[in-house]
């Protein structure tokens, strides 16, 4: 019988690469807005040089401060996977550093999201490989386990399931379930067009702000 708490499940069927590619350049804020502003990870910041992260979730759950199963996740990751690690938000021990992020990048991993701490932050900040984390510490991790791979995880209030499409940018990280991805993508593109039109109107000095007073009157505000 398997040791409870040590579990590696099969990966689900992958989203078509053609669908994932369509999220290239779509901003996290628009995706979040188009999912009713609910599914976003709080407190996880970009630690890398910058640029979009895009890929398919390979989820990992580990105890705070332990990265044994994260090593295994890197070993089994497919190119284009984003390794999403639920580490309890703990900042006392780093889950990854320069060596692990470099190894992941070499294997074609599309990024790493750590609900916990990293170290070697200077090297990670100078690199383009996407890394998101809650904080930084010099203290290294343990490698005792337990841990699970390809299970639903919660990171910063965001539930991520294996196989979700994961997008990250300067604003943070969001996960889009594959079954609603086309709908969310269409709505996010429409949102981008609306915002572009609003910005153009602002620059021309022709923006309509009448909605503010209408909203206040509807709420019974006197002015």
N, C-alpha and C. Protein backbone atom coordinates (compact mmCIF):
# COMPACT_ATOMS: atom_id res chain seq x y z
N UNK A 1 0.84 -1.19 0.00
CA UNK A 1 0.00 0.00 0.00
C UNK A 1 0.88 1.25 0.00
N UNK A 2 0.50 2.23 -0.80
CA UNK A 2 1.27 3.46 -0.89
C UNK A 2 1.27 4.21 0.44
N UNK A 3 2.35 4.91 0.71
CA UNK A 3 2.46 5.73 1.90
C UNK A 3 1.54 6.93 1.74
N UNK A 4 0.58 7.08 2.65
CA UNK A 4 -0.39 8.18 2.54
C UNK A 4 0.34 9.52 2.55
N UNK A 5 -0.06 10.38 1.60
CA UNK A 5 0.58 11.68 1.47
C UNK A 5 1.64 11.72 0.40
N UNK A 6 2.06 10.54 -0.08
CA UNK A 6 2.97 10.46 -1.22
C UNK A 6 2.15 9.93 -2.40
N UNK A 7 1.88 10.80 -3.38
CA UNK A 7 0.99 10.39 -4.46
C UNK A 7 1.32 11.15 -5.74
N UNK A 8 1.48 10.41 -6.83
CA UNK A 8 1.70 11.02 -8.14
C UNK A 8 0.62 10.45 -9.06
N UNK A 9 -0.33 11.29 -9.45
CA UNK A 9 -1.44 10.87 -10.29
C UNK A 9 -1.10 11.11 -11.77
N UNK A 10 -1.77 10.38 -12.66
CA UNK A 10 -1.55 10.62 -14.10
C UNK A 10 -2.01 12.03 -14.48
N UNK A 11 -1.33 12.63 -15.42
CA UNK A 11 -1.73 13.94 -15.91
C UNK A 11 -2.99 13.80 -16.75
N UNK A 12 -3.89 14.78 -16.68
CA UNK A 12 -5.09 14.74 -17.53
C UNK A 12 -4.72 15.00 -18.99
N UNK A 13 -5.66 14.76 -19.87
CA UNK A 13 -5.44 15.08 -21.28
C UNK A 13 -5.09 16.56 -21.41
N UNK A 14 -4.09 16.87 -22.21
CA UNK A 14 -3.63 18.24 -22.34
C UNK A 14 -4.55 19.07 -23.22
N UNK A 15 -4.67 20.34 -22.89
CA UNK A 15 -5.39 21.27 -23.75
C UNK A 15 -4.68 21.33 -25.10
N UNK A 16 -5.42 21.47 -26.18
CA UNK A 16 -4.76 21.60 -27.49
C UNK A 16 -3.78 22.77 -27.49
N UNK A 17 -2.61 22.53 -28.06
CA UNK A 17 -1.59 23.59 -28.12
C UNK A 17 -2.12 24.81 -28.85
N UNK A 18 -2.98 24.58 -29.83
CA UNK A 18 -3.54 25.71 -30.58
C UNK A 18 -4.40 26.61 -29.69
N UNK A 19 -5.10 26.01 -28.70
CA UNK A 19 -5.90 26.79 -27.77
C UNK A 19 -5.01 27.57 -26.81
N UNK A 20 -4.00 26.91 -26.27
CA UNK A 20 -3.09 27.58 -25.33
C UNK A 20 -2.42 28.77 -26.00
N UNK A 21 -1.98 28.60 -27.23
CA UNK A 21 -1.28 29.68 -27.94
C UNK A 21 -2.14 30.92 -28.10
N UNK A 22 -3.45 30.75 -28.17
CA UNK A 22 -4.32 31.90 -28.36
C UNK A 22 -4.33 32.85 -27.15
N UNK A 23 -3.83 32.38 -26.01
CA UNK A 23 -3.75 33.23 -24.83
C UNK A 23 -2.48 34.08 -24.81
N UNK A 24 -1.60 33.88 -25.81
CA UNK A 24 -0.38 34.67 -25.86
C UNK A 24 -0.73 36.15 -26.01
N UNK A 25 -0.23 36.97 -25.12
CA UNK A 25 -0.47 38.41 -25.16
C UNK A 25 -1.74 38.87 -24.47
N UNK A 26 -2.59 37.94 -24.04
CA UNK A 26 -3.81 38.32 -23.30
C UNK A 26 -3.41 38.63 -21.86
N UNK A 27 -3.85 39.78 -21.34
CA UNK A 27 -3.38 40.20 -20.02
C UNK A 27 -4.21 39.57 -18.91
N UNK A 28 -3.55 39.35 -17.78
CA UNK A 28 -4.19 38.70 -16.64
C UNK A 28 -5.39 39.49 -16.14
N UNK A 29 -5.29 40.82 -16.12
CA UNK A 29 -6.40 41.64 -15.61
C UNK A 29 -7.67 41.42 -16.41
N UNK A 30 -7.53 41.29 -17.73
CA UNK A 30 -8.72 41.07 -18.56
C UNK A 30 -9.30 39.68 -18.32
N UNK A 31 -8.45 38.68 -18.19
CA UNK A 31 -8.94 37.33 -17.91
C UNK A 31 -9.66 37.30 -16.57
N UNK A 32 -9.08 37.96 -15.57
CA UNK A 32 -9.69 38.02 -14.24
C UNK A 32 -11.06 38.70 -14.30
N UNK A 33 -11.12 39.85 -14.99
CA UNK A 33 -12.39 40.58 -15.11
C UNK A 33 -13.45 39.71 -15.76
N UNK A 34 -13.05 38.95 -16.76
CA UNK A 34 -14.02 38.15 -17.53
C UNK A 34 -14.40 36.85 -16.84
N UNK A 35 -13.81 36.59 -15.68
CA UNK A 35 -14.26 35.48 -14.84
C UNK A 35 -14.83 36.03 -13.54
N UNK A 36 -15.49 37.20 -13.66
CA UNK A 36 -16.16 37.86 -12.54
C UNK A 36 -15.22 38.20 -11.39
N UNK A 37 -13.93 38.40 -11.70
CA UNK A 37 -12.94 38.88 -10.73
C UNK A 37 -12.79 37.97 -9.52
N UNK A 38 -13.10 36.69 -9.71
CA UNK A 38 -12.97 35.73 -8.61
C UNK A 38 -11.66 34.94 -8.64
N UNK A 39 -11.31 34.32 -9.78
CA UNK A 39 -10.20 33.35 -9.75
C UNK A 39 -8.84 33.96 -10.00
N UNK A 40 -8.26 34.59 -9.01
CA UNK A 40 -6.91 35.12 -9.13
C UNK A 40 -6.12 34.83 -7.88
N UNK A 41 -4.82 34.61 -8.03
CA UNK A 41 -3.97 34.33 -6.88
C UNK A 41 -3.52 35.63 -6.23
N UNK A 42 -3.76 35.77 -4.94
CA UNK A 42 -3.36 36.97 -4.20
C UNK A 42 -1.98 36.77 -3.58
N UNK A 43 -1.16 37.81 -3.68
CA UNK A 43 0.11 37.82 -2.97
C UNK A 43 1.25 37.08 -3.64
N UNK A 44 1.05 36.64 -4.88
CA UNK A 44 2.13 35.96 -5.61
C UNK A 44 2.66 36.92 -6.68
N UNK A 45 3.89 37.34 -6.53
CA UNK A 45 4.47 38.37 -7.38
C UNK A 45 5.48 37.79 -8.36
N UNK A 46 5.63 38.44 -9.52
CA UNK A 46 6.68 38.01 -10.46
C UNK A 46 8.06 38.28 -9.89
N UNK A 47 8.90 37.27 -9.93
CA UNK A 47 10.26 37.39 -9.41
C UNK A 47 11.30 37.44 -10.51
N UNK A 48 10.88 37.26 -11.76
CA UNK A 48 11.80 37.17 -12.89
C UNK A 48 11.93 38.53 -13.59
N UNK A 49 12.64 38.53 -14.68
CA UNK A 49 12.95 39.78 -15.39
C UNK A 49 11.72 40.42 -16.01
N UNK A 50 10.73 39.62 -16.33
CA UNK A 50 9.51 40.16 -16.92
C UNK A 50 9.10 39.37 -18.14
N UNK A 51 7.87 39.60 -18.57
CA UNK A 51 7.33 38.87 -19.71
C UNK A 51 6.25 37.92 -19.29
N UNK A 52 5.41 37.54 -20.24
CA UNK A 52 4.27 36.70 -19.94
C UNK A 52 4.68 35.25 -19.67
N UNK A 53 3.98 34.63 -18.74
CA UNK A 53 4.06 33.19 -18.52
C UNK A 53 2.79 32.57 -19.08
N UNK A 54 2.94 31.48 -19.82
CA UNK A 54 1.78 30.81 -20.40
C UNK A 54 2.07 29.33 -20.54
N UNK A 55 1.16 28.51 -20.02
CA UNK A 55 1.34 27.07 -20.14
C UNK A 55 0.22 26.31 -19.48
N UNK A 56 0.47 25.02 -19.30
CA UNK A 56 -0.52 24.08 -18.76
C UNK A 56 -0.10 23.67 -17.37
N UNK A 57 -1.03 23.69 -16.43
CA UNK A 57 -0.70 23.46 -15.02
C UNK A 57 -0.29 22.03 -14.73
N UNK A 58 0.89 21.89 -14.14
CA UNK A 58 1.33 20.66 -13.48
C UNK A 58 1.36 20.99 -12.00
N UNK A 59 0.40 20.48 -11.26
CA UNK A 59 0.20 20.92 -9.88
C UNK A 59 0.96 20.04 -8.89
N UNK A 60 1.42 20.69 -7.82
CA UNK A 60 2.18 20.00 -6.77
C UNK A 60 1.72 20.53 -5.42
N UNK A 61 1.50 19.62 -4.48
CA UNK A 61 1.21 20.02 -3.10
C UNK A 61 2.29 19.46 -2.20
N UNK A 62 2.92 20.36 -1.41
CA UNK A 62 4.00 19.95 -0.52
C UNK A 62 3.80 20.58 0.85
N UNK A 63 4.43 20.01 1.88
CA UNK A 63 4.40 20.66 3.19
C UNK A 63 5.22 21.94 3.15
N UNK A 64 4.93 22.90 4.02
CA UNK A 64 5.74 24.11 4.07
C UNK A 64 7.23 23.78 4.20
N UNK A 65 8.05 24.38 3.34
CA UNK A 65 9.49 24.25 3.46
C UNK A 65 10.10 22.97 2.93
N UNK A 66 9.34 22.14 2.21
CA UNK A 66 9.86 20.88 1.70
C UNK A 66 9.66 20.82 0.18
N UNK A 67 10.70 20.44 -0.55
CA UNK A 67 10.58 20.46 -2.01
C UNK A 67 10.87 19.13 -2.70
N UNK A 68 10.83 18.03 -1.97
CA UNK A 68 11.11 16.73 -2.57
C UNK A 68 10.24 16.47 -3.79
N UNK A 69 8.93 16.69 -3.66
CA UNK A 69 8.04 16.40 -4.77
C UNK A 69 8.14 17.44 -5.88
N UNK A 70 8.65 18.62 -5.59
CA UNK A 70 8.88 19.61 -6.64
C UNK A 70 10.00 19.13 -7.56
N UNK A 71 11.03 18.51 -6.99
CA UNK A 71 12.08 17.91 -7.81
C UNK A 71 11.50 16.87 -8.76
N UNK A 72 10.61 16.03 -8.26
CA UNK A 72 10.00 15.01 -9.10
C UNK A 72 9.15 15.66 -10.20
N UNK A 73 8.46 16.73 -9.86
CA UNK A 73 7.63 17.42 -10.85
C UNK A 73 8.49 17.94 -12.00
N UNK A 74 9.64 18.49 -11.69
CA UNK A 74 10.54 18.97 -12.75
C UNK A 74 10.97 17.80 -13.63
N UNK A 75 11.23 16.66 -13.02
CA UNK A 75 11.69 15.50 -13.78
C UNK A 75 10.63 14.96 -14.74
N UNK A 76 9.36 15.08 -14.38
CA UNK A 76 8.30 14.50 -15.22
C UNK A 76 7.56 15.55 -16.05
N UNK A 77 7.91 16.82 -15.88
CA UNK A 77 7.21 17.89 -16.60
C UNK A 77 7.41 17.74 -18.10
N UNK A 78 6.36 18.10 -18.84
CA UNK A 78 6.44 18.16 -20.29
C UNK A 78 6.73 19.60 -20.71
N UNK A 79 7.35 19.78 -21.87
CA UNK A 79 7.56 21.15 -22.36
C UNK A 79 6.23 21.90 -22.43
N UNK A 80 6.23 23.12 -21.92
CA UNK A 80 5.01 23.92 -21.88
C UNK A 80 4.24 23.82 -20.59
N UNK A 81 4.67 22.97 -19.67
CA UNK A 81 4.01 22.89 -18.36
C UNK A 81 4.40 24.09 -17.50
N UNK A 82 3.46 24.55 -16.70
CA UNK A 82 3.75 25.49 -15.62
C UNK A 82 3.62 24.72 -14.31
N UNK A 83 4.69 24.64 -13.55
CA UNK A 83 4.68 23.91 -12.29
C UNK A 83 4.11 24.82 -11.21
N UNK A 84 2.95 24.44 -10.67
CA UNK A 84 2.22 25.25 -9.69
C UNK A 84 2.33 24.54 -8.34
N UNK A 85 2.99 25.17 -7.38
CA UNK A 85 3.31 24.53 -6.11
C UNK A 85 2.55 25.17 -4.96
N UNK A 86 1.70 24.38 -4.31
CA UNK A 86 1.03 24.82 -3.09
C UNK A 86 1.90 24.42 -1.91
N UNK A 87 2.56 25.42 -1.32
CA UNK A 87 3.48 25.16 -0.20
C UNK A 87 3.01 25.86 1.06
N UNK A 88 1.71 26.12 1.16
CA UNK A 88 1.13 26.67 2.37
C UNK A 88 1.42 28.14 2.60
N UNK A 89 2.00 28.83 1.62
CA UNK A 89 2.30 30.25 1.80
C UNK A 89 3.41 30.52 2.79
N UNK A 90 4.13 29.50 3.20
CA UNK A 90 5.16 29.63 4.22
C UNK A 90 6.40 30.32 3.65
N UNK A 91 7.00 31.21 4.43
CA UNK A 91 8.17 31.95 3.98
C UNK A 91 9.43 31.60 4.77
N UNK A 92 9.38 30.55 5.57
CA UNK A 92 10.52 30.24 6.42
C UNK A 92 11.62 29.48 5.69
N UNK A 93 11.25 28.72 4.65
CA UNK A 93 12.24 27.98 3.86
C UNK A 93 11.91 28.18 2.38
N UNK A 94 12.94 28.32 1.57
CA UNK A 94 12.73 28.47 0.13
C UNK A 94 12.38 27.13 -0.50
N UNK A 95 11.45 27.15 -1.44
CA UNK A 95 11.06 25.94 -2.16
C UNK A 95 11.94 25.71 -3.38
N UNK A 96 12.30 26.78 -4.08
CA UNK A 96 13.22 26.67 -5.21
C UNK A 96 14.22 27.81 -5.16
N UNK A 97 15.27 27.64 -5.98
CA UNK A 97 16.26 28.69 -6.16
C UNK A 97 16.78 28.64 -7.58
N UNK A 98 17.98 29.18 -7.79
CA UNK A 98 18.53 29.28 -9.13
C UNK A 98 18.74 27.92 -9.78
N UNK A 99 19.22 26.95 -9.03
CA UNK A 99 19.51 25.64 -9.63
C UNK A 99 18.24 24.97 -10.14
N UNK A 100 17.19 24.96 -9.32
CA UNK A 100 15.96 24.30 -9.74
C UNK A 100 15.26 25.04 -10.88
N UNK A 101 15.27 26.37 -10.82
CA UNK A 101 14.62 27.12 -11.90
C UNK A 101 15.39 26.96 -13.21
N UNK A 102 16.72 26.90 -13.13
CA UNK A 102 17.52 26.68 -14.33
C UNK A 102 17.28 25.30 -14.92
N UNK A 103 17.19 24.30 -14.06
CA UNK A 103 16.90 22.93 -14.50
C UNK A 103 15.53 22.87 -15.17
N UNK A 104 14.54 23.51 -14.55
CA UNK A 104 13.19 23.52 -15.11
C UNK A 104 13.17 24.18 -16.48
N UNK A 105 13.85 25.31 -16.60
CA UNK A 105 13.90 26.02 -17.87
C UNK A 105 14.55 25.16 -18.95
N UNK A 106 15.62 24.46 -18.58
CA UNK A 106 16.31 23.59 -19.53
C UNK A 106 15.41 22.48 -20.04
N UNK A 107 14.50 22.02 -19.20
CA UNK A 107 13.59 20.95 -19.58
C UNK A 107 12.38 21.45 -20.36
N UNK A 108 12.28 22.75 -20.60
CA UNK A 108 11.18 23.28 -21.38
C UNK A 108 9.97 23.68 -20.57
N UNK A 109 10.11 23.70 -19.24
CA UNK A 109 9.01 24.16 -18.39
C UNK A 109 8.73 25.63 -18.70
N UNK A 110 7.45 26.00 -18.73
CA UNK A 110 7.06 27.36 -19.13
C UNK A 110 7.09 28.35 -17.97
N UNK A 111 7.23 27.87 -16.75
CA UNK A 111 7.27 28.76 -15.59
C UNK A 111 7.00 27.99 -14.32
N UNK A 112 7.19 28.67 -13.18
CA UNK A 112 6.92 28.07 -11.88
C UNK A 112 6.18 29.08 -11.02
N UNK A 113 5.17 28.59 -10.33
CA UNK A 113 4.38 29.41 -9.40
C UNK A 113 4.50 28.77 -8.03
N UNK A 114 5.04 29.51 -7.07
CA UNK A 114 5.34 28.96 -5.75
C UNK A 114 4.55 29.72 -4.69
N UNK A 115 3.59 29.06 -4.07
CA UNK A 115 2.90 29.69 -2.94
C UNK A 115 3.75 29.44 -1.70
N UNK A 116 4.84 30.16 -1.66
CA UNK A 116 5.85 30.03 -0.63
C UNK A 116 7.01 30.92 -1.03
N UNK A 117 8.20 30.60 -0.53
CA UNK A 117 9.37 31.44 -0.76
C UNK A 117 10.32 30.84 -1.78
N UNK A 118 11.14 31.73 -2.37
CA UNK A 118 12.26 31.32 -3.20
C UNK A 118 13.54 31.88 -2.60
N UNK A 119 14.68 31.44 -3.14
CA UNK A 119 15.95 32.09 -2.82
C UNK A 119 16.74 32.28 -4.11
N UNK A 120 17.94 32.79 -4.00
CA UNK A 120 18.71 33.20 -5.19
C UNK A 120 17.90 34.19 -6.00
N UNK A 121 17.28 35.13 -5.31
CA UNK A 121 16.34 36.04 -5.96
C UNK A 121 17.02 36.95 -6.98
N UNK A 122 18.28 37.30 -6.76
CA UNK A 122 18.98 38.15 -7.71
C UNK A 122 19.15 37.45 -9.05
N UNK A 123 19.54 36.18 -9.00
CA UNK A 123 19.73 35.43 -10.24
C UNK A 123 18.40 35.22 -10.95
N UNK A 124 17.36 34.92 -10.21
CA UNK A 124 16.04 34.72 -10.81
C UNK A 124 15.52 36.03 -11.40
N UNK A 125 15.78 37.15 -10.71
CA UNK A 125 15.33 38.46 -11.20
C UNK A 125 16.03 38.86 -12.49
N UNK A 126 17.24 38.36 -12.69
CA UNK A 126 18.00 38.70 -13.89
C UNK A 126 17.67 37.80 -15.07
N UNK A 127 16.88 36.74 -14.82
CA UNK A 127 16.58 35.76 -15.87
C UNK A 127 15.17 35.97 -16.41
N UNK A 128 14.93 35.44 -17.61
CA UNK A 128 13.62 35.57 -18.24
C UNK A 128 12.67 34.43 -17.88
N UNK A 129 13.19 33.35 -17.29
CA UNK A 129 12.34 32.22 -16.94
C UNK A 129 11.32 32.67 -15.89
N UNK A 130 10.01 32.51 -16.18
CA UNK A 130 8.99 33.04 -15.28
C UNK A 130 8.92 32.30 -13.94
N UNK A 131 9.05 33.06 -12.87
CA UNK A 131 8.88 32.54 -11.52
C UNK A 131 8.01 33.51 -10.73
N UNK A 132 6.96 32.99 -10.12
CA UNK A 132 6.08 33.77 -9.24
C UNK A 132 6.16 33.16 -7.86
N UNK A 133 6.21 34.00 -6.82
CA UNK A 133 6.33 33.49 -5.46
C UNK A 133 5.77 34.51 -4.48
N UNK A 134 5.65 34.06 -3.23
CA UNK A 134 5.11 34.93 -2.19
C UNK A 134 6.18 35.74 -1.49
N UNK A 135 7.43 35.30 -1.55
CA UNK A 135 8.49 36.03 -0.87
C UNK A 135 9.84 35.39 -1.07
N UNK A 136 10.83 35.88 -0.31
CA UNK A 136 12.22 35.47 -0.47
C UNK A 136 12.81 35.15 0.90
N UNK A 137 13.63 34.12 0.94
CA UNK A 137 14.43 33.83 2.13
C UNK A 137 15.70 33.12 1.69
N UNK A 138 16.77 33.28 2.46
CA UNK A 138 18.01 32.57 2.16
C UNK A 138 17.98 31.13 2.64
N UNK A 139 17.04 30.79 3.52
CA UNK A 139 17.02 29.46 4.13
C UNK A 139 16.53 28.42 3.14
N UNK A 140 17.28 27.35 3.00
CA UNK A 140 16.96 26.31 2.04
C UNK A 140 15.90 25.35 2.52
N UNK A 141 15.40 24.49 1.62
CA UNK A 141 14.30 23.58 1.93
C UNK A 141 14.78 22.25 2.49
N UNK A 142 13.82 21.49 3.00
CA UNK A 142 14.04 20.09 3.36
C UNK A 142 13.58 19.22 2.20
N UNK A 143 13.94 17.96 2.23
CA UNK A 143 13.58 17.02 1.18
C UNK A 143 13.11 15.72 1.80
N UNK A 144 12.08 15.83 2.61
CA UNK A 144 11.56 14.68 3.33
C UNK A 144 10.19 14.22 2.82
N UNK A 145 9.46 15.12 2.12
CA UNK A 145 8.08 14.81 1.77
C UNK A 145 7.19 15.06 2.97
N UNK A 146 5.92 14.68 2.87
CA UNK A 146 5.26 14.03 1.73
C UNK A 146 5.03 15.02 0.60
N UNK A 147 4.17 14.64 -0.33
CA UNK A 147 3.83 15.52 -1.43
C UNK A 147 2.97 14.80 -2.45
N UNK A 148 2.25 15.59 -3.25
CA UNK A 148 1.35 15.02 -4.25
C UNK A 148 1.49 15.81 -5.55
N UNK A 149 1.35 15.12 -6.65
CA UNK A 149 1.42 15.73 -7.98
C UNK A 149 0.15 15.42 -8.75
N UNK A 150 -0.31 16.41 -9.51
CA UNK A 150 -1.52 16.30 -10.33
C UNK A 150 -2.78 16.13 -9.48
N UNK A 151 -2.85 16.95 -8.43
CA UNK A 151 -4.06 17.05 -7.61
C UNK A 151 -4.51 18.52 -7.61
N UNK A 152 -5.79 18.80 -7.37
CA UNK A 152 -6.20 20.21 -7.25
C UNK A 152 -5.45 20.87 -6.09
N UNK A 153 -5.02 22.11 -6.30
CA UNK A 153 -4.30 22.85 -5.26
C UNK A 153 -4.90 24.24 -5.12
N UNK A 154 -4.62 24.87 -3.99
CA UNK A 154 -5.04 26.24 -3.74
C UNK A 154 -3.80 27.08 -3.50
N UNK A 155 -3.64 28.14 -4.30
CA UNK A 155 -2.49 29.04 -4.14
C UNK A 155 -3.01 30.47 -4.05
N UNK A 156 -2.83 31.09 -2.92
CA UNK A 156 -3.27 32.47 -2.75
C UNK A 156 -4.75 32.66 -3.02
N UNK A 157 -5.57 31.68 -2.67
CA UNK A 157 -7.01 31.77 -2.89
C UNK A 157 -7.46 31.34 -4.26
N UNK A 158 -6.53 30.94 -5.13
CA UNK A 158 -6.85 30.48 -6.48
C UNK A 158 -6.77 28.96 -6.52
N UNK A 159 -7.87 28.31 -6.88
CA UNK A 159 -7.85 26.87 -7.06
C UNK A 159 -7.35 26.56 -8.47
N UNK A 160 -6.33 25.74 -8.54
CA UNK A 160 -5.75 25.33 -9.83
C UNK A 160 -5.86 23.82 -9.94
N UNK A 161 -6.42 23.36 -11.03
CA UNK A 161 -6.51 21.93 -11.29
C UNK A 161 -5.47 21.54 -12.34
N UNK A 162 -4.96 20.33 -12.26
CA UNK A 162 -4.00 19.92 -13.29
C UNK A 162 -4.62 20.03 -14.67
N UNK A 163 -3.88 20.60 -15.60
CA UNK A 163 -4.38 20.78 -16.95
C UNK A 163 -4.96 22.15 -17.22
N UNK A 164 -5.22 22.95 -16.18
CA UNK A 164 -5.70 24.32 -16.40
C UNK A 164 -4.68 25.11 -17.23
N UNK A 165 -5.18 26.10 -17.97
CA UNK A 165 -4.29 27.03 -18.67
C UNK A 165 -3.89 28.12 -17.69
N UNK A 166 -2.59 28.28 -17.47
CA UNK A 166 -2.08 29.23 -16.48
C UNK A 166 -1.42 30.40 -17.21
N UNK A 167 -1.83 31.60 -16.83
CA UNK A 167 -1.30 32.82 -17.45
C UNK A 167 -0.76 33.72 -16.34
N UNK A 168 0.42 34.27 -16.56
CA UNK A 168 1.00 35.21 -15.61
C UNK A 168 1.59 36.41 -16.32
N UNK A 169 1.51 37.57 -15.68
CA UNK A 169 2.18 38.77 -16.19
C UNK A 169 2.58 39.63 -15.00
N UNK A 170 2.84 40.91 -15.23
CA UNK A 170 3.31 41.77 -14.15
C UNK A 170 2.28 41.94 -13.03
N UNK A 171 1.00 41.66 -13.32
CA UNK A 171 -0.05 41.81 -12.32
C UNK A 171 -0.26 40.56 -11.46
N UNK A 172 0.26 39.41 -11.89
CA UNK A 172 0.07 38.20 -11.12
C UNK A 172 -0.31 37.02 -11.99
N UNK A 173 -1.06 36.09 -11.40
CA UNK A 173 -1.33 34.79 -12.02
C UNK A 173 -2.81 34.48 -11.98
N UNK A 174 -3.31 33.88 -13.06
CA UNK A 174 -4.67 33.38 -13.10
C UNK A 174 -4.66 32.03 -13.81
N UNK A 175 -5.62 31.17 -13.46
CA UNK A 175 -5.77 29.87 -14.11
C UNK A 175 -7.14 29.80 -14.75
N UNK A 176 -7.18 29.27 -15.97
CA UNK A 176 -8.43 29.18 -16.72
C UNK A 176 -8.72 27.70 -17.00
N UNK A 177 -9.82 27.16 -16.46
CA UNK A 177 -10.18 25.77 -16.78
C UNK A 177 -10.38 25.61 -18.29
N UNK A 178 -9.96 24.48 -18.80
CA UNK A 178 -9.98 24.27 -20.24
C UNK A 178 -11.39 24.33 -20.80
N UNK A 179 -12.37 23.84 -20.04
CA UNK A 179 -13.73 23.76 -20.59
C UNK A 179 -14.36 25.13 -20.82
N UNK A 180 -13.88 26.16 -20.13
CA UNK A 180 -14.42 27.51 -20.35
C UNK A 180 -13.42 28.42 -21.05
N UNK A 181 -12.26 27.89 -21.42
CA UNK A 181 -11.20 28.72 -21.98
C UNK A 181 -11.63 29.47 -23.24
N UNK A 182 -12.30 28.83 -24.21
CA UNK A 182 -12.69 29.60 -25.41
C UNK A 182 -13.61 30.78 -25.09
N UNK A 183 -14.55 30.57 -24.16
CA UNK A 183 -15.48 31.64 -23.77
C UNK A 183 -14.75 32.78 -23.09
N UNK A 184 -13.86 32.44 -22.16
CA UNK A 184 -13.09 33.46 -21.45
C UNK A 184 -12.18 34.22 -22.41
N UNK A 185 -11.57 33.51 -23.32
CA UNK A 185 -10.68 34.14 -24.29
C UNK A 185 -11.43 35.15 -25.15
N UNK A 186 -12.60 34.77 -25.64
CA UNK A 186 -13.40 35.67 -26.47
C UNK A 186 -13.79 36.92 -25.68
N UNK A 187 -14.21 36.74 -24.42
CA UNK A 187 -14.60 37.88 -23.59
C UNK A 187 -13.40 38.78 -23.30
N UNK A 188 -12.24 38.19 -23.06
CA UNK A 188 -11.04 38.99 -22.75
C UNK A 188 -10.61 39.81 -23.96
N UNK A 189 -10.74 39.25 -25.14
CA UNK A 189 -10.40 40.02 -26.35
C UNK A 189 -11.36 41.20 -26.54
N UNK A 190 -12.64 40.96 -26.26
CA UNK A 190 -13.61 42.06 -26.35
C UNK A 190 -13.31 43.13 -25.31
N UNK A 191 -12.92 42.69 -24.11
CA UNK A 191 -12.55 43.63 -23.04
C UNK A 191 -11.36 44.49 -23.46
N UNK A 192 -10.39 43.89 -24.11
CA UNK A 192 -9.22 44.63 -24.56
C UNK A 192 -9.61 45.69 -25.57
N UNK A 193 -10.51 45.36 -26.49
CA UNK A 193 -10.96 46.33 -27.49
C UNK A 193 -11.70 47.50 -26.83
N UNK A 194 -12.55 47.18 -25.84
CA UNK A 194 -13.28 48.24 -25.13
C UNK A 194 -12.32 49.18 -24.41
N UNK A 195 -11.32 48.60 -23.75
CA UNK A 195 -10.37 49.44 -23.01
C UNK A 195 -9.51 50.28 -23.96
N UNK A 196 -9.15 49.71 -25.09
CA UNK A 196 -8.39 50.48 -26.07
C UNK A 196 -9.20 51.68 -26.56
N UNK A 197 -10.50 51.46 -26.76
CA UNK A 197 -11.37 52.57 -27.20
C UNK A 197 -11.47 53.64 -26.13
N UNK A 198 -11.59 53.21 -24.87
CA UNK A 198 -11.67 54.17 -23.76
C UNK A 198 -10.38 54.98 -23.65
N UNK A 199 -9.24 54.33 -23.76
CA UNK A 199 -7.96 55.03 -23.68
C UNK A 199 -7.81 56.03 -24.82
N UNK A 200 -8.26 55.64 -26.01
CA UNK A 200 -8.19 56.56 -27.15
C UNK A 200 -9.06 57.79 -26.91
N UNK A 201 -10.26 57.57 -26.34
CA UNK A 201 -11.15 58.70 -26.04
C UNK A 201 -10.54 59.62 -24.99
N UNK A 202 -9.89 59.04 -23.97
CA UNK A 202 -9.24 59.85 -22.94
C UNK A 202 -8.16 60.74 -23.55
N UNK A 203 -7.36 60.16 -24.41
CA UNK A 203 -6.25 60.92 -25.02
C UNK A 203 -6.76 62.05 -25.90
N UNK A 204 -7.96 61.86 -26.47
CA UNK A 204 -8.55 62.89 -27.32
C UNK A 204 -9.39 63.89 -26.52
N UNK A 205 -9.53 63.65 -25.22
CA UNK A 205 -10.34 64.53 -24.38
C UNK A 205 -11.83 64.38 -24.63
N UNK A 206 -12.26 63.19 -25.08
CA UNK A 206 -13.67 62.99 -25.44
C UNK A 206 -14.32 61.88 -24.63
N UNK A 207 -13.74 61.54 -23.50
CA UNK A 207 -14.30 60.45 -22.72
C UNK A 207 -15.60 60.89 -22.05
N UNK A 208 -16.58 60.00 -22.03
CA UNK A 208 -17.89 60.27 -21.41
C UNK A 208 -17.87 59.77 -19.97
N UNK A 209 -17.95 60.71 -19.01
CA UNK A 209 -17.92 60.35 -17.58
C UNK A 209 -19.30 60.46 -16.93
N UNK A 210 -20.35 60.56 -17.73
CA UNK A 210 -21.69 60.72 -17.17
C UNK A 210 -22.12 59.52 -16.34
N UNK A 211 -21.51 58.37 -16.59
CA UNK A 211 -21.90 57.17 -15.86
C UNK A 211 -21.62 57.29 -14.36
N UNK A 212 -20.63 58.09 -13.98
CA UNK A 212 -20.30 58.22 -12.56
C UNK A 212 -21.46 58.84 -11.79
N UNK A 213 -21.99 59.98 -12.29
CA UNK A 213 -23.11 60.62 -11.62
C UNK A 213 -24.35 59.74 -11.65
N UNK A 214 -24.58 59.04 -12.76
CA UNK A 214 -25.73 58.14 -12.85
C UNK A 214 -25.64 57.05 -11.79
N UNK A 215 -24.46 56.50 -11.61
CA UNK A 215 -24.27 55.43 -10.62
C UNK A 215 -24.50 55.96 -9.21
N UNK A 216 -24.02 57.18 -8.92
CA UNK A 216 -24.20 57.76 -7.59
C UNK A 216 -25.67 58.08 -7.32
N UNK A 217 -26.36 58.65 -8.30
CA UNK A 217 -27.79 58.95 -8.11
C UNK A 217 -28.59 57.67 -7.88
N UNK A 218 -28.22 56.60 -8.60
CA UNK A 218 -28.93 55.32 -8.44
C UNK A 218 -28.78 54.78 -7.02
N UNK A 219 -27.71 55.20 -6.35
CA UNK A 219 -27.48 54.73 -4.99
C UNK A 219 -27.95 55.73 -3.94
N UNK A 220 -28.65 56.78 -4.40
CA UNK A 220 -29.21 57.74 -3.49
C UNK A 220 -28.25 58.77 -2.95
N UNK A 221 -27.17 59.01 -3.66
CA UNK A 221 -26.16 59.97 -3.21
C UNK A 221 -26.58 61.39 -3.58
N UNK A 222 -26.55 62.32 -2.61
CA UNK A 222 -26.85 63.72 -2.87
C UNK A 222 -25.57 64.47 -3.22
N UNK A 223 -25.62 65.28 -4.24
CA UNK A 223 -24.48 66.13 -4.60
C UNK A 223 -24.96 67.27 -5.49
